[in-house]
Amino acid sequence: MPRQEALVEPLNVSLLSFREALQIMDTERLISLRRGNRGSVVVHTPTRTSAAYMLGLLLQSKSIALADLGAALQELEPACAALAAQ
């Protein structure tokens, strides 16, 4: 991973916000942080439970009703199935 200082500018966030986001992802076990000169970030595949939790937070933050998500899926699934069948 590039140095944190090199990542904050294109993301248009402060170094403090970037580090806080890394800490949150580490707490949620989405990544593992190894600190120091040879530090690294290891990305983990989320569990179903953590993915559902994160999706719930996203839906809540955007004020999206679960019924609206279900309706969107009903519209998208047939189109996706048709594309996959080609």
C-alpha atoms as a PDB file:
ATOM      1  CA  MET A   1       0.000   0.000   0.000  1.00  0.00           C
ATOM      2  CA  PRO A   2       1.341   3.478  -0.782  1.00  0.00           C
ATOM      3  CA  ARG A   3       2.190   5.799   2.069  1.00  0.00           C
ATOM      4  CA  GLN A   4      -0.881   7.213   3.772  1.00  0.00           C
ATOM      5  CA  GLU A   5       0.172  10.743   2.888  1.00  0.00           C
ATOM      6  CA  ALA A   6       0.049   9.805  -0.815  1.00  0.00           C
ATOM      7  CA  LEU A   7      -3.493   8.438  -0.502  1.00  0.00           C
ATOM      8  CA  VAL A   8      -5.236  11.277   1.309  1.00  0.00           C
ATOM      9  CA  GLU A   9      -4.865  13.879  -1.449  1.00  0.00           C
ATOM     10  CA  PRO A  10      -6.610  11.967  -4.282  1.00  0.00           C
ATOM     11  CA  LEU A  11      -9.302  10.868  -1.816  1.00  0.00           C
ATOM     12  CA  ASN A  12      -9.718  14.490  -0.687  1.00  0.00           C
ATOM     13  CA  VAL A  13      -9.670  13.566   3.012  1.00  0.00           C
ATOM     14  CA  SER A  14      -7.463  14.575   5.910  1.00  0.00           C
ATOM     15  CA  LEU A  15      -4.768  12.268   7.214  1.00  0.00           C
ATOM     16  CA  LEU A  16      -6.636  12.095  10.524  1.00  0.00           C
ATOM     17  CA  SER A  17      -9.868  10.984   8.794  1.00  0.00           C
ATOM     18  CA  PHE A  18      -7.972   8.412   6.727  1.00  0.00           C
ATOM     19  CA  ARG A  19      -6.312   6.928   9.796  1.00  0.00           C
ATOM     20  CA  GLU A  20      -9.629   6.862  11.646  1.00  0.00           C
ATOM     21  CA  ALA A  21     -11.220   4.998   8.720  1.00  0.00           C
ATOM     22  CA  LEU A  22      -8.394   2.433   8.809  1.00  0.00           C
ATOM     23  CA  GLN A  23      -8.894   2.013  12.553  1.00  0.00           C
ATOM     24  CA  ILE A  24     -12.639   1.481  12.116  1.00  0.00           C
ATOM     25  CA  MET A  25     -12.044  -1.131   9.400  1.00  0.00           C
ATOM     26  CA  ASP A  26      -9.508  -2.839  11.675  1.00  0.00           C
ATOM     27  CA  THR A  27     -12.018  -2.849  14.548  1.00  0.00           C
ATOM     28  CA  GLU A  28     -14.679  -4.303  12.234  1.00  0.00           C
ATOM     29  CA  ARG A  29     -12.120  -6.963  11.184  1.00  0.00           C
ATOM     30  CA  LEU A  30     -12.318  -5.938   7.550  1.00  0.00           C
ATOM     31  CA  ILE A  31      -8.562  -5.333   7.541  1.00  0.00           C
ATOM     32  CA  SER A  32      -5.543  -6.069   9.715  1.00  0.00           C
ATOM     33  CA  LEU A  33      -3.067  -3.274  10.330  1.00  0.00           C
ATOM     34  CA  ARG A  34       0.608  -3.961  10.890  1.00  0.00           C
ATOM     35  CA  ARG A  35       2.326  -0.841  12.163  1.00  0.00           C
ATOM     36  CA  GLY A  36       5.930   0.258  11.867  1.00  0.00           C
ATOM     37  CA  ASN A  37       8.477   0.842   9.105  1.00  0.00           C
ATOM     38  CA  ARG A  38       7.410  -2.328   7.342  1.00  0.00           C
ATOM     39  CA  GLY A  39       3.753  -1.816   8.127  1.00  0.00           C
ATOM     40  CA  SER A  40       1.056  -3.223   5.924  1.00  0.00           C
ATOM     41  CA  VAL A  41      -2.673  -3.604   5.527  1.00  0.00           C
ATOM     42  CA  VAL A  42      -4.239  -7.015   4.925  1.00  0.00           C
ATOM     43  CA  VAL A  43      -7.781  -6.989   3.530  1.00  0.00           C
ATOM     44  CA  HIS A  44     -10.123  -9.723   4.800  1.00  0.00           C
ATOM     45  CA  THR A  45     -13.234 -11.116   3.148  1.00  0.00           C
ATOM     46  CA  PRO A  46     -16.179  -9.967   5.262  1.00  0.00           C
ATOM     47  CA  THR A  47     -18.412 -12.543   6.906  1.00  0.00           C
ATOM     48  CA  ARG A  48     -22.082 -12.627   5.952  1.00  0.00           C
ATOM     49  CA  THR A  49     -22.931 -11.101   9.305  1.00  0.00           C
ATOM     50  CA  SER A  50     -20.527  -8.178   8.941  1.00  0.00           C
ATOM     51  CA  ALA A  51     -21.547  -7.601   5.303  1.00  0.00           C
ATOM     52  CA  ALA A  52     -25.226  -7.514   6.313  1.00  0.00           C
ATOM     53  CA  TYR A  53     -24.411  -5.127   9.161  1.00  0.00           C
ATOM     54  CA  MET A  54     -22.486  -2.784   6.844  1.00  0.00           C
ATOM     55  CA  LEU A  55     -25.259  -2.899   4.239  1.00  0.00           C
ATOM     56  CA  GLY A  56     -27.765  -2.035   6.958  1.00  0.00           C
ATOM     57  CA  LEU A  57     -25.680   0.963   8.018  1.00  0.00           C
ATOM     58  CA  LEU A  58     -25.418   2.138   4.423  1.00  0.00           C
ATOM     59  CA  LEU A  59     -29.152   1.800   3.807  1.00  0.00           C
ATOM     60  CA  GLN A  60     -29.915   3.617   7.049  1.00  0.00           C
ATOM     61  CA  SER A  61     -27.472   6.448   6.311  1.00  0.00           C
ATOM     62  CA  LYS A  62     -29.049   6.967   2.877  1.00  0.00           C
ATOM     63  CA  SER A  63     -32.633   6.595   4.218  1.00  0.00           C
ATOM     64  CA  ILE A  64     -33.326   3.677   1.872  1.00  0.00           C
ATOM     65  CA  ALA A  65     -36.214   1.464   2.939  1.00  0.00           C
ATOM     66  CA  LEU A  66     -35.726  -2.286   2.809  1.00  0.00           C
ATOM     67  CA  ALA A  67     -38.876  -2.535   0.665  1.00  0.00           C
ATOM     68  CA  ASP A  68     -37.275  -0.191  -1.893  1.00  0.00           C
ATOM     69  CA  LEU A  69     -34.177  -2.379  -2.000  1.00  0.00           C
ATOM     70  CA  GLY A  70     -36.364  -5.443  -2.552  1.00  0.00           C
ATOM     71  CA  ALA A  71     -38.226  -3.716  -5.379  1.00  0.00           C
ATOM     72  CA  ALA A  72     -34.949  -2.736  -7.040  1.00  0.00           C
ATOM     73  CA  LEU A  73     -33.687  -6.314  -6.811  1.00  0.00           C
ATOM     74  CA  GLN A  74     -36.892  -7.611  -8.407  1.00  0.00           C
ATOM     75  CA  GLU A  75     -36.268  -5.283 -11.342  1.00  0.00           C
ATOM     76  CA  LEU A  76     -32.552  -6.053 -11.677  1.00  0.00           C
ATOM     77  CA  GLU A  77     -32.454  -9.827 -11.182  1.00  0.00           C
ATOM     78  CA  PRO A  78     -34.269 -10.792 -14.424  1.00  0.00           C
ATOM     79  CA  ALA A  79     -32.044  -8.472 -16.458  1.00  0.00           C
ATOM     80  CA  CYS A  80     -28.915  -9.878 -14.807  1.00  0.00           C
ATOM     81  CA  ALA A  81     -30.090 -13.445 -15.403  1.00  0.00           C
ATOM     82  CA  ALA A  82     -30.735 -12.663 -19.070  1.00  0.00           C
ATOM     83  CA  LEU A  83     -27.255 -11.195 -19.478  1.00  0.00           C
ATOM     84  CA  ALA A  84     -25.678 -14.171 -17.732  1.00  0.00           C
ATOM     85  CA  ALA A  85     -27.532 -16.567 -20.037  1.00  0.00           C
ATOM     86  CA  GLN A  86     -26.063 -14.958 -23.177  1.00  0.00           C
END
